[in-house]
PDB file of all heavy atoms in Angstrom:
ATOM      1  N   LEU A   1      -1.346  -9.990 -10.413  1.00  0.00           N
ATOM      2  CA  LEU A   1      -2.804 -10.270 -10.293  1.00  0.00           C
ATOM      3  C   LEU A   1      -3.143 -10.807  -8.924  1.00  0.00           C
ATOM      4  O   LEU A   1      -4.134 -10.405  -8.304  1.00  0.00           O
ATOM      5  CB  LEU A   1      -3.232 -11.229 -11.384  1.00  0.00           C
ATOM      6  CG  LEU A   1      -3.282 -10.693 -12.798  1.00  0.00           C
ATOM      7  CD1 LEU A   1      -3.589 -11.816 -13.784  1.00  0.00           C
ATOM      8  CD2 LEU A   1      -4.266  -9.552 -12.949  1.00  0.00           C
ATOM      9  N   LYS A   2      -2.313 -11.759  -8.414  1.00  0.00           N
ATOM     10  CA  LYS A   2      -2.588 -12.333  -7.101  1.00  0.00           C
ATOM     11  C   LYS A   2      -2.438 -11.264  -5.999  1.00  0.00           C
ATOM     12  O   LYS A   2      -3.259 -11.202  -5.095  1.00  0.00           O
ATOM     13  CB  LYS A   2      -1.666 -13.502  -6.843  1.00  0.00           C
ATOM     14  CG  LYS A   2      -1.967 -14.177  -5.460  1.00  0.00           C
ATOM     15  CD  LYS A   2      -1.028 -15.331  -5.199  1.00  0.00           C
ATOM     16  CE  LYS A   2      -1.374 -16.022  -3.885  1.00  0.00           C
ATOM     17  NZ  LYS A   2      -1.497 -15.141  -2.745  1.00  0.00           N
ATOM     18  N   LEU A   3      -1.359 -10.483  -6.115  1.00  0.00           N
ATOM     19  CA  LEU A   3      -1.160  -9.465  -5.087  1.00  0.00           C
ATOM     20  C   LEU A   3      -2.265  -8.403  -5.106  1.00  0.00           C
ATOM     21  O   LEU A   3      -2.750  -7.979  -4.058  1.00  0.00           O
ATOM     22  CB  LEU A   3       0.215  -8.788  -5.354  1.00  0.00           C
ATOM     23  CG  LEU A   3       0.689  -7.816  -4.255  1.00  0.00           C
ATOM     24  CD1 LEU A   3       0.915  -8.571  -2.974  1.00  0.00           C
ATOM     25  CD2 LEU A   3       2.005  -7.131  -4.711  1.00  0.00           C
ATOM     26  N   GLY A   4      -2.726  -8.014  -6.310  1.00  0.00           N
ATOM     27  CA  GLY A   4      -3.833  -7.099  -6.409  1.00  0.00           C
ATOM     28  C   GLY A   4      -5.089  -7.596  -5.758  1.00  0.00           C
ATOM     29  O   GLY A   4      -5.769  -6.881  -5.032  1.00  0.00           O
ATOM     30  N   GLU A   5      -5.428  -8.901  -5.973  1.00  0.00           N
ATOM     31  CA  GLU A   5      -6.592  -9.473  -5.376  1.00  0.00           C
ATOM     32  C   GLU A   5      -6.409  -9.621  -3.860  1.00  0.00           C
ATOM     33  O   GLU A   5      -7.382  -9.419  -3.110  1.00  0.00           O
ATOM     34  CB  GLU A   5      -6.860 -10.872  -5.983  1.00  0.00           C
ATOM     35  CG  GLU A   5      -8.126 -11.522  -5.535  1.00  0.00           C
ATOM     36  CD  GLU A   5      -9.424 -10.751  -5.954  1.00  0.00           C
ATOM     37  OE1 GLU A   5      -9.315  -9.894  -6.884  1.00  0.00           O
ATOM     38  OE2 GLU A   5     -10.486 -10.984  -5.372  1.00  0.00           O
ATOM     39  N   ASP A   6      -5.215  -9.915  -3.410  1.00  0.00           N
ATOM     40  CA  ASP A   6      -4.954 -10.021  -1.964  1.00  0.00           C
ATOM     41  C   ASP A   6      -5.188  -8.657  -1.276  1.00  0.00           C
ATOM     42  O   ASP A   6      -5.799  -8.566  -0.240  1.00  0.00           O
ATOM     43  CB  ASP A   6      -3.538 -10.504  -1.685  1.00  0.00           C
ATOM     44  CG  ASP A   6      -3.405 -11.991  -1.852  1.00  0.00           C
ATOM     45  OD1 ASP A   6      -4.449 -12.693  -1.816  1.00  0.00           O
ATOM     46  OD2 ASP A   6      -2.280 -12.500  -2.051  1.00  0.00           O
ATOM     47  N   TYR A   7      -4.665  -7.604  -1.918  1.00  0.00           N
ATOM     48  CA  TYR A   7      -4.890  -6.295  -1.366  1.00  0.00           C
ATOM     49  C   TYR A   7      -6.351  -5.907  -1.387  1.00  0.00           C
ATOM     50  O   TYR A   7      -6.912  -5.336  -0.440  1.00  0.00           O
ATOM     51  CB  TYR A   7      -4.073  -5.203  -2.143  1.00  0.00           C
ATOM     52  CG  TYR A   7      -2.685  -5.032  -1.644  1.00  0.00           C
ATOM     53  CD1 TYR A   7      -1.574  -5.307  -2.436  1.00  0.00           C
ATOM     54  CD2 TYR A   7      -2.463  -4.531  -0.338  1.00  0.00           C
ATOM     55  CE1 TYR A   7      -0.269  -5.100  -1.940  1.00  0.00           C
ATOM     56  CE2 TYR A   7      -1.177  -4.362   0.145  1.00  0.00           C
ATOM     57  CZ  TYR A   7      -0.077  -4.638  -0.672  1.00  0.00           C
ATOM     58  OH  TYR A   7       1.226  -4.474  -0.213  1.00  0.00           O
ATOM     59  N   TYR A   8      -7.011  -6.190  -2.534  1.00  0.00           N
ATOM     60  CA  TYR A   8      -8.420  -5.859  -2.652  1.00  0.00           C
ATOM     61  C   TYR A   8      -9.253  -6.507  -1.535  1.00  0.00           C
ATOM     62  O   TYR A   8     -10.109  -5.922  -0.913  1.00  0.00           O
ATOM     63  CB  TYR A   8      -8.954  -6.254  -3.998  1.00  0.00           C
ATOM     64  CG  TYR A   8     -10.420  -5.864  -4.217  1.00  0.00           C
ATOM     65  CD1 TYR A   8     -10.732  -4.596  -4.630  1.00  0.00           C
ATOM     66  CD2 TYR A   8     -11.424  -6.776  -3.922  1.00  0.00           C
ATOM     67  CE1 TYR A   8     -12.065  -4.219  -4.783  1.00  0.00           C
ATOM     68  CE2 TYR A   8     -12.759  -6.426  -4.083  1.00  0.00           C
ATOM     69  CZ  TYR A   8     -13.037  -5.107  -4.543  1.00  0.00           C
ATOM     70  OH  TYR A   8     -14.383  -4.747  -4.654  1.00  0.00           O
ATOM     71  N   GLN A   9      -8.947  -7.770  -1.270  1.00  0.00           N
ATOM     72  CA  GLN A   9      -9.678  -8.530  -0.237  1.00  0.00           C
ATOM     73  C   GLN A   9      -9.206  -8.291   1.191  1.00  0.00           C
ATOM     74  O   GLN A   9      -9.734  -8.814   2.123  1.00  0.00           O
ATOM     75  CB  GLN A   9      -9.612 -10.037  -0.541  1.00  0.00           C
ATOM     76  CG  GLN A   9     -10.245 -10.481  -1.832  1.00  0.00           C
ATOM     77  CD  GLN A   9     -11.773 -10.374  -1.806  1.00  0.00           C
ATOM     78  OE1 GLN A   9     -12.359 -10.089  -0.769  1.00  0.00           O
ATOM     79  NE2 GLN A   9     -12.393 -10.597  -2.965  1.00  0.00           N
ATOM     80  N   ARG A  10      -8.136  -7.466   1.333  1.00  0.00           N
ATOM     81  CA  ARG A  10      -7.503  -7.193   2.632  1.00  0.00           C
ATOM     82  C   ARG A  10      -7.063  -8.508   3.306  1.00  0.00           C
ATOM     83  O   ARG A  10      -7.189  -8.670   4.509  1.00  0.00           O
ATOM     84  CB  ARG A  10      -8.482  -6.438   3.595  1.00  0.00           C
ATOM     85  CG  ARG A  10      -8.946  -5.114   3.027  1.00  0.00           C
ATOM     86  CD  ARG A  10      -9.949  -4.486   3.989  1.00  0.00           C
ATOM     87  NE  ARG A  10     -10.595  -3.311   3.401  1.00  0.00           N
ATOM     88  CZ  ARG A  10     -10.443  -2.070   3.838  1.00  0.00           C
ATOM     89  NH1 ARG A  10      -9.688  -1.809   4.862  1.00  0.00           N
ATOM     90  NH2 ARG A  10     -11.082  -1.079   3.241  1.00  0.00           N
ATOM     91  N   ASN A  11      -6.505  -9.391   2.512  1.00  0.00           N
ATOM     92  CA  ASN A  11      -6.039 -10.664   3.081  1.00  0.00           C
ATOM     93  C   ASN A  11      -4.836 -10.424   3.990  1.00  0.00           C
ATOM     94  O   ASN A  11      -4.041  -9.518   3.816  1.00  0.00           O
ATOM     95  CB  ASN A  11      -5.622 -11.612   1.952  1.00  0.00           C
ATOM     96  CG  ASN A  11      -6.831 -12.159   1.206  1.00  0.00           C
ATOM     97  OD1 ASN A  11      -7.949 -12.162   1.758  1.00  0.00           O
ATOM     98  ND2 ASN A  11      -6.658 -12.571  -0.047  1.00  0.00           N
ATOM     99  N   ALA A  12      -4.784 -11.240   5.054  1.00  0.00           N
ATOM    100  CA  ALA A  12      -3.807 -11.045   6.095  1.00  0.00           C
ATOM    101  C   ALA A  12      -2.378 -11.165   5.597  1.00  0.00           C
ATOM    102  O   ALA A  12      -1.414 -10.629   6.201  1.00  0.00           O
ATOM    103  CB  ALA A  12      -4.036 -12.017   7.255  1.00  0.00           C
ATOM    104  N   ASN A  13      -2.098 -11.901   4.514  1.00  0.00           N
ATOM    105  CA  ASN A  13      -0.713 -12.059   4.043  1.00  0.00           C
ATOM    106  C   ASN A  13      -0.155 -10.767   3.477  1.00  0.00           C
ATOM    107  O   ASN A  13       1.063 -10.610   3.365  1.00  0.00           O
ATOM    108  CB  ASN A  13      -0.644 -13.166   2.971  1.00  0.00           C
ATOM    109  CG  ASN A  13      -1.489 -12.855   1.750  1.00  0.00           C
ATOM    110  OD1 ASN A  13      -2.674 -12.503   1.855  1.00  0.00           O
ATOM    111  ND2 ASN A  13      -0.915 -12.927   0.582  1.00  0.00           N
ATOM    112  N   VAL A  14      -0.997  -9.822   3.127  1.00  0.00           N
ATOM    113  CA  VAL A  14      -0.542  -8.525   2.658  1.00  0.00           C
ATOM    114  C   VAL A  14      -0.980  -7.348   3.556  1.00  0.00           C
ATOM    115  O   VAL A  14      -0.395  -6.274   3.517  1.00  0.00           O
ATOM    116  CB  VAL A  14      -1.012  -8.207   1.215  1.00  0.00           C
ATOM    117  CG1 VAL A  14      -0.435  -9.255   0.274  1.00  0.00           C
ATOM    118  CG2 VAL A  14      -2.497  -8.154   1.118  1.00  0.00           C
ATOM    119  N   LEU A  15      -2.047  -7.572   4.339  1.00  0.00           N
ATOM    120  CA  LEU A  15      -2.543  -6.506   5.202  1.00  0.00           C
ATOM    121  C   LEU A  15      -2.871  -6.970   6.594  1.00  0.00           C
ATOM    122  O   LEU A  15      -3.996  -6.866   7.053  1.00  0.00           O
ATOM    123  CB  LEU A  15      -3.767  -5.823   4.550  1.00  0.00           C
ATOM    124  CG  LEU A  15      -3.458  -4.806   3.468  1.00  0.00           C
ATOM    125  CD1 LEU A  15      -4.733  -4.154   2.953  1.00  0.00           C
ATOM    126  CD2 LEU A  15      -2.490  -3.725   3.958  1.00  0.00           C
ATOM    127  N   ALA A  16      -1.877  -7.589   7.238  1.00  0.00           N
ATOM    128  CA  ALA A  16      -2.004  -7.788   8.701  1.00  0.00           C
ATOM    129  C   ALA A  16      -2.039  -6.384   9.316  1.00  0.00           C
ATOM    130  O   ALA A  16      -1.652  -5.376   8.664  1.00  0.00           O
ATOM    131  CB  ALA A  16      -0.839  -8.575   9.173  1.00  0.00           C
ATOM    132  N   PRO A  17      -2.513  -6.255  10.574  1.00  0.00           N
ATOM    133  CA  PRO A  17      -2.601  -4.928  11.166  1.00  0.00           C
ATOM    134  C   PRO A  17      -1.361  -4.038  11.045  1.00  0.00           C
ATOM    135  O   PRO A  17      -1.511  -2.828  10.874  1.00  0.00           O
ATOM    136  CB  PRO A  17      -2.943  -5.224  12.618  1.00  0.00           C
ATOM    137  CG  PRO A  17      -3.698  -6.532  12.549  1.00  0.00           C
ATOM    138  CD  PRO A  17      -3.036  -7.302  11.443  1.00  0.00           C
ATOM    139  N   HIS A  18      -0.154  -4.619  11.136  1.00  0.00           N
ATOM    140  CA  HIS A  18       1.055  -3.841  11.097  1.00  0.00           C
ATOM    141  C   HIS A  18       1.507  -3.502   9.677  1.00  0.00           C
ATOM    142  O   HIS A  18       2.477  -2.787   9.495  1.00  0.00           O
ATOM    143  CB  HIS A  18       2.208  -4.592  11.783  1.00  0.00           C
ATOM    144  CG  HIS A  18       2.654  -5.802  11.078  1.00  0.00           C
ATOM    145  ND1 HIS A  18       1.945  -7.014  11.169  1.00  0.00           N
ATOM    146  CD2 HIS A  18       3.663  -6.052  10.233  1.00  0.00           C
ATOM    147  CE1 HIS A  18       2.536  -7.924  10.434  1.00  0.00           C
ATOM    148  NE2 HIS A  18       3.587  -7.380   9.845  1.00  0.00           N
ATOM    149  N   MET A  19       0.780  -3.960   8.638  1.00  0.00           N
ATOM    150  CA  MET A  19       1.169  -3.758   7.277  1.00  0.00           C
ATOM    151  C   MET A  19       0.485  -2.532   6.636  1.00  0.00           C
ATOM    152  O   MET A  19       0.764  -2.222   5.487  1.00  0.00           O
ATOM    153  CB  MET A  19       0.865  -4.971   6.433  1.00  0.00           C
ATOM    154  CG  MET A  19       1.749  -6.185   6.779  1.00  0.00           C
ATOM    155  SD  MET A  19       1.247  -7.612   5.773  1.00  0.00           S
ATOM    156  CE  MET A  19       2.486  -8.800   6.271  1.00  0.00           C
ATOM    157  N   TYR A  20      -0.449  -1.879   7.337  1.00  0.00           N
ATOM    158  CA  TYR A  20      -1.081  -0.677   6.786  1.00  0.00           C
ATOM    159  C   TYR A  20      -0.112   0.485   6.829  1.00  0.00           C
ATOM    160  O   TYR A  20       0.844   0.518   7.623  1.00  0.00           O
ATOM    161  CB  TYR A  20      -2.322  -0.351   7.543  1.00  0.00           C
ATOM    162  CG  TYR A  20      -3.525  -1.188   7.227  1.00  0.00           C
ATOM    163  CD1 TYR A  20      -3.690  -2.458   7.807  1.00  0.00           C
ATOM    164  CD2 TYR A  20      -4.502  -0.760   6.313  1.00  0.00           C
ATOM    165  CE1 TYR A  20      -4.775  -3.234   7.512  1.00  0.00           C
ATOM    166  CE2 TYR A  20      -5.587  -1.546   6.039  1.00  0.00           C
ATOM    167  CZ  TYR A  20      -5.704  -2.773   6.627  1.00  0.00           C
ATOM    168  OH  TYR A  20      -6.803  -3.588   6.322  1.00  0.00           O
ATOM    169  N   SER A  21      -0.346   1.499   5.996  1.00  0.00           N
ATOM    170  CA  SER A  21       0.422   2.679   6.058  1.00  0.00           C
ATOM    171  C   SER A  21      -0.507   3.917   5.936  1.00  0.00           C
ATOM    172  O   SER A  21      -1.631   3.782   5.466  1.00  0.00           O
ATOM    173  CB  SER A  21       1.444   2.736   4.908  1.00  0.00           C
ATOM    174  OG  SER A  21       2.111   3.989   4.828  1.00  0.00           O
ATOM    175  N   ASP A  22       0.009   5.071   6.373  1.00  0.00           N
ATOM    176  CA  ASP A  22      -0.788   6.298   6.242  1.00  0.00           C
ATOM    177  C   ASP A  22      -0.597   6.978   4.917  1.00  0.00           C
ATOM    178  O   ASP A  22      -1.236   7.977   4.630  1.00  0.00           O
ATOM    179  CB  ASP A  22      -0.410   7.290   7.371  1.00  0.00           C
ATOM    180  CG  ASP A  22      -0.706   6.707   8.725  1.00  0.00           C
ATOM    181  OD1 ASP A  22      -1.727   6.043   8.899  1.00  0.00           O
ATOM    182  OD2 ASP A  22       0.092   6.986   9.655  1.00  0.00           O
ATOM    183  N   VAL A  23       0.326   6.414   4.111  1.00  0.00           N
ATOM    184  CA  VAL A  23       0.627   7.010   2.803  1.00  0.00           C
ATOM    185  C   VAL A  23       0.822   5.917   1.780  1.00  0.00           C
ATOM    186  O   VAL A  23       1.026   4.744   2.126  1.00  0.00           O
ATOM    187  CB  VAL A  23       1.909   7.877   2.822  1.00  0.00           C
ATOM    188  CG1 VAL A  23       1.781   9.028   3.850  1.00  0.00           C
ATOM    189  CG2 VAL A  23       3.149   7.023   3.169  1.00  0.00           C
ATOM    190  N   VAL A  24       0.726   6.308   0.531  1.00  0.00           N
ATOM    191  CA  VAL A  24       1.183   5.443  -0.589  1.00  0.00           C
ATOM    192  C   VAL A  24       2.358   6.149  -1.245  1.00  0.00           C
ATOM    193  O   VAL A  24       2.376   7.390  -1.324  1.00  0.00           O
ATOM    194  CB  VAL A  24       0.078   5.113  -1.598  1.00  0.00           C
ATOM    195  CG1 VAL A  24      -0.979   4.246  -0.964  1.00  0.00           C
ATOM    196  CG2 VAL A  24      -0.554   6.390  -2.143  1.00  0.00           C
ATOM    197  N   TRP A  25       3.352   5.341  -1.662  1.00  0.00           N
ATOM    198  CA  TRP A  25       4.565   5.905  -2.256  1.00  0.00           C
ATOM    199  C   TRP A  25       4.563   5.807  -3.796  1.00  0.00           C
ATOM    200  O   TRP A  25       3.898   4.914  -4.351  1.00  0.00           O
ATOM    201  CB  TRP A  25       5.771   5.139  -1.700  1.00  0.00           C
ATOM    202  CG  TRP A  25       5.997   5.311  -0.259  1.00  0.00           C
ATOM    203  CD1 TRP A  25       5.534   4.519   0.766  1.00  0.00           C
ATOM    204  CD2 TRP A  25       6.701   6.376   0.410  1.00  0.00           C
ATOM    205  NE1 TRP A  25       5.897   4.975   1.981  1.00  0.00           N
ATOM    206  CE2 TRP A  25       6.620   6.155   1.799  1.00  0.00           C
ATOM    207  CE3 TRP A  25       7.363   7.515  -0.047  1.00  0.00           C
ATOM    208  CZ2 TRP A  25       7.208   6.998   2.730  1.00  0.00           C
ATOM    209  CZ3 TRP A  25       7.948   8.330   0.870  1.00  0.00           C
ATOM    210  CH2 TRP A  25       7.901   8.059   2.253  1.00  0.00           C
ATOM    211  N   HIS A  26       5.335   6.674  -4.409  1.00  0.00           N
ATOM    212  CA  HIS A  26       5.586   6.575  -5.878  1.00  0.00           C
ATOM    213  C   HIS A  26       6.927   7.241  -6.153  1.00  0.00           C
ATOM    214  O   HIS A  26       7.399   8.051  -5.365  1.00  0.00           O
ATOM    215  CB  HIS A  26       4.453   7.237  -6.677  1.00  0.00           C
ATOM    216  CG  HIS A  26       4.304   8.685  -6.473  1.00  0.00           C
ATOM    217  ND1 HIS A  26       3.610   9.244  -5.414  1.00  0.00           N
ATOM    218  CD2 HIS A  26       4.759   9.756  -7.226  1.00  0.00           C
ATOM    219  CE1 HIS A  26       3.659  10.582  -5.496  1.00  0.00           C
ATOM    220  NE2 HIS A  26       4.318  10.890  -6.536  1.00  0.00           N
ATOM    221  N   TRP A  27       7.448   6.930  -7.323  1.00  0.00           N
ATOM    222  CA  TRP A  27       8.716   7.515  -7.744  1.00  0.00           C
ATOM    223  C   TRP A  27       8.386   8.671  -8.701  1.00  0.00           C
ATOM    224  O   TRP A  27       7.724   8.473  -9.708  1.00  0.00           O
ATOM    225  CB  TRP A  27       9.612   6.480  -8.462  1.00  0.00           C
ATOM    226  CG  TRP A  27      10.969   7.004  -8.759  1.00  0.00           C
ATOM    227  CD1 TRP A  27      11.417   7.586  -9.881  1.00  0.00           C
ATOM    228  CD2 TRP A  27      12.098   7.003  -7.880  1.00  0.00           C
ATOM    229  NE1 TRP A  27      12.699   7.951  -9.792  1.00  0.00           N
ATOM    230  CE2 TRP A  27      13.138   7.588  -8.554  1.00  0.00           C
ATOM    231  CE3 TRP A  27      12.255   6.542  -6.570  1.00  0.00           C
ATOM    232  CZ2 TRP A  27      14.429   7.767  -7.968  1.00  0.00           C
ATOM    233  CZ3 TRP A  27      13.504   6.709  -5.963  1.00  0.00           C
ATOM    234  CH2 TRP A  27      14.566   7.287  -6.655  1.00  0.00           C
ATOM    235  N   ASP A  28       8.790   9.925  -8.292  1.00  0.00           N
ATOM    236  CA  ASP A  28       8.344  11.060  -9.088  1.00  0.00           C
ATOM    237  C   ASP A  28       9.378  11.546 -10.095  1.00  0.00           C
ATOM    238  O   ASP A  28       9.285  12.638 -10.658  1.00  0.00           O
ATOM    239  CB  ASP A  28       7.959  12.216  -8.168  1.00  0.00           C
ATOM    240  CG  ASP A  28       9.167  12.834  -7.463  1.00  0.00           C
ATOM    241  OD1 ASP A  28      10.276  12.326  -7.640  1.00  0.00           O
ATOM    242  OD2 ASP A  28       8.973  13.849  -6.739  1.00  0.00           O
ATOM    243  N   GLY A  29      10.450  10.736 -10.336  1.00  0.00           N
ATOM    244  CA  GLY A  29      11.495  11.127 -11.269  1.00  0.00           C
ATOM    245  C   GLY A  29      12.805  11.479 -10.634  1.00  0.00           C
ATOM    246  O   GLY A  29      13.860  11.217 -11.167  1.00  0.00           O
ATOM    247  N   ASN A  30      12.712  12.088  -9.459  1.00  0.00           N
ATOM    248  CA  ASN A  30      13.919  12.485  -8.752  1.00  0.00           C
ATOM    249  C   ASN A  30      14.094  11.780  -7.421  1.00  0.00           C
ATOM    250  O   ASN A  30      15.123  11.860  -6.765  1.00  0.00           O
ATOM    251  CB  ASN A  30      13.894  14.027  -8.492  1.00  0.00           C
ATOM    252  CG  ASN A  30      13.888  14.819  -9.774  1.00  0.00           C
ATOM    253  OD1 ASN A  30      14.714  14.552 -10.634  1.00  0.00           O
ATOM    254  ND2 ASN A  30      12.967  15.752  -9.883  1.00  0.00           N
ATOM    255  N   GLY A  31      13.081  11.116  -6.947  1.00  0.00           N
ATOM    256  CA  GLY A  31      13.085  10.449  -5.665  1.00  0.00           C
ATOM    257  C   GLY A  31      11.726   9.944  -5.274  1.00  0.00           C
ATOM    258  O   GLY A  31      10.741  10.091  -6.023  1.00  0.00           O
ATOM    259  N   LEU A  32      11.647   9.406  -4.085  1.00  0.00           N
ATOM    260  CA  LEU A  32      10.381   8.903  -3.579  1.00  0.00           C
ATOM    261  C   LEU A  32       9.514  10.032  -3.088  1.00  0.00           C
ATOM    262  O   LEU A  32      10.002  10.991  -2.513  1.00  0.00           O
ATOM    263  CB  LEU A  32      10.639   7.903  -2.449  1.00  0.00           C
ATOM    264  CG  LEU A  32      11.174   6.554  -2.839  1.00  0.00           C
ATOM    265  CD1 LEU A  32      11.612   5.768  -1.611  1.00  0.00           C
ATOM    266  CD2 LEU A  32      10.122   5.745  -3.597  1.00  0.00           C
ATOM    267  N   ALA A  33       8.232   9.926  -3.358  1.00  0.00           N
ATOM    268  CA  ALA A  33       7.263  10.920  -2.883  1.00  0.00           C
ATOM    269  C   ALA A  33       6.061  10.146  -2.308  1.00  0.00           C
ATOM    270  O   ALA A  33       5.763   9.007  -2.755  1.00  0.00           O
ATOM    271  CB  ALA A  33       6.770  11.844  -3.994  1.00  0.00           C
ATOM    272  N   SER A  34       5.404  10.716  -1.314  1.00  0.00           N
ATOM    273  CA  SER A  34       4.268  10.031  -0.668  1.00  0.00           C
ATOM    274  C   SER A  34       2.998  10.856  -0.818  1.00  0.00           C
ATOM    275  O   SER A  34       3.040  12.071  -0.965  1.00  0.00           O
ATOM    276  CB  SER A  34       4.583   9.805   0.790  1.00  0.00           C
ATOM    277  OG  SER A  34       4.729  11.038   1.497  1.00  0.00           O
ATOM    278  N   ARG A  35       1.876  10.160  -0.693  1.00  0.00           N
ATOM    279  CA  ARG A  35       0.560  10.801  -0.694  1.00  0.00           C
ATOM    280  C   ARG A  35      -0.256  10.175   0.425  1.00  0.00           C
ATOM    281  O   ARG A  35      -0.445   8.974   0.469  1.00  0.00           O
ATOM    282  CB  ARG A  35      -0.097  10.576  -2.096  1.00  0.00           C
ATOM    283  CG  ARG A  35      -1.506  11.148  -2.249  1.00  0.00           C
ATOM    284  CD  ARG A  35      -1.933  11.123  -3.658  1.00  0.00           C
ATOM    285  NE  ARG A  35      -1.869   9.807  -4.294  1.00  0.00           N
ATOM    286  CZ  ARG A  35      -2.826   8.878  -4.191  1.00  0.00           C
ATOM    287  NH1 ARG A  35      -3.924   9.135  -3.531  1.00  0.00           N
ATOM    288  NH2 ARG A  35      -2.683   7.696  -4.764  1.00  0.00           N
ATOM    289  N   PRO A  36      -0.832  11.035   1.291  1.00  0.00           N
ATOM    290  CA  PRO A  36      -1.626  10.486   2.392  1.00  0.00           C
ATOM    291  C   PRO A  36      -2.894   9.817   1.881  1.00  0.00           C
ATOM    292  O   PRO A  36      -3.521  10.301   0.943  1.00  0.00           O
ATOM    293  CB  PRO A  36      -1.953  11.743   3.243  1.00  0.00           C
ATOM    294  CG  PRO A  36      -0.987  12.801   2.803  1.00  0.00           C
ATOM    295  CD  PRO A  36      -0.679  12.491   1.374  1.00  0.00           C
ATOM    296  N   VAL A  37      -3.267   8.753   2.575  1.00  0.00           N
ATOM    297  CA  VAL A  37      -4.502   8.060   2.255  1.00  0.00           C
ATOM    298  C   VAL A  37      -5.158   7.606   3.505  1.00  0.00           C
ATOM    299  O   VAL A  37      -4.446   7.169   4.503  1.00  0.00           O
ATOM    300  CB  VAL A  37      -4.371   6.854   1.291  1.00  0.00           C
ATOM    301  CG1 VAL A  37      -3.869   7.305  -0.066  1.00  0.00           C
ATOM    302  CG2 VAL A  37      -3.446   5.807   1.914  1.00  0.00           C
ATOM    303  N   PRO A  38      -6.526   7.625   3.665  1.00  0.00           N
ATOM    304  CA  PRO A  38      -7.182   7.045   4.857  1.00  0.00           C
ATOM    305  C   PRO A  38      -6.989   5.554   4.859  1.00  0.00           C
ATOM    306  O   PRO A  38      -6.845   4.877   3.828  1.00  0.00           O
ATOM    307  CB  PRO A  38      -8.644   7.409   4.643  1.00  0.00           C
ATOM    308  CG  PRO A  38      -8.669   8.493   3.561  1.00  0.00           C
ATOM    309  CD  PRO A  38      -7.470   8.231   2.763  1.00  0.00           C
ATOM    310  N   ARG A  39      -6.958   4.984   6.034  1.00  0.00           N
ATOM    311  CA  ARG A  39      -6.792   3.537   6.207  1.00  0.00           C
ATOM    312  C   ARG A  39      -7.869   2.783   5.407  1.00  0.00           C
ATOM    313  O   ARG A  39      -7.605   1.691   4.871  1.00  0.00           O
ATOM    314  CB  ARG A  39      -6.832   3.164   7.686  1.00  0.00           C
ATOM    315  CG  ARG A  39      -6.640   1.687   7.987  1.00  0.00           C
ATOM    316  CD  ARG A  39      -6.827   1.446   9.506  1.00  0.00           C
ATOM    317  NE  ARG A  39      -6.691   0.024   9.822  1.00  0.00           N
ATOM    318  CZ  ARG A  39      -5.552  -0.538  10.298  1.00  0.00           C
ATOM    319  NH1 ARG A  39      -4.500   0.210  10.437  1.00  0.00           N
ATOM    320  NH2 ARG A  39      -5.535  -1.826  10.564  1.00  0.00           N
TER     321      ARG A  39
END
């Protein structure tokens, strides 16, 4: 819950400038897979 709120608010402890990514990851059953997302 705290981590979700931190991400939602873009708090620096979870989203300092170097912590953004161009993708989000998930496990698709056989390995890691990524999906592009805008910043």
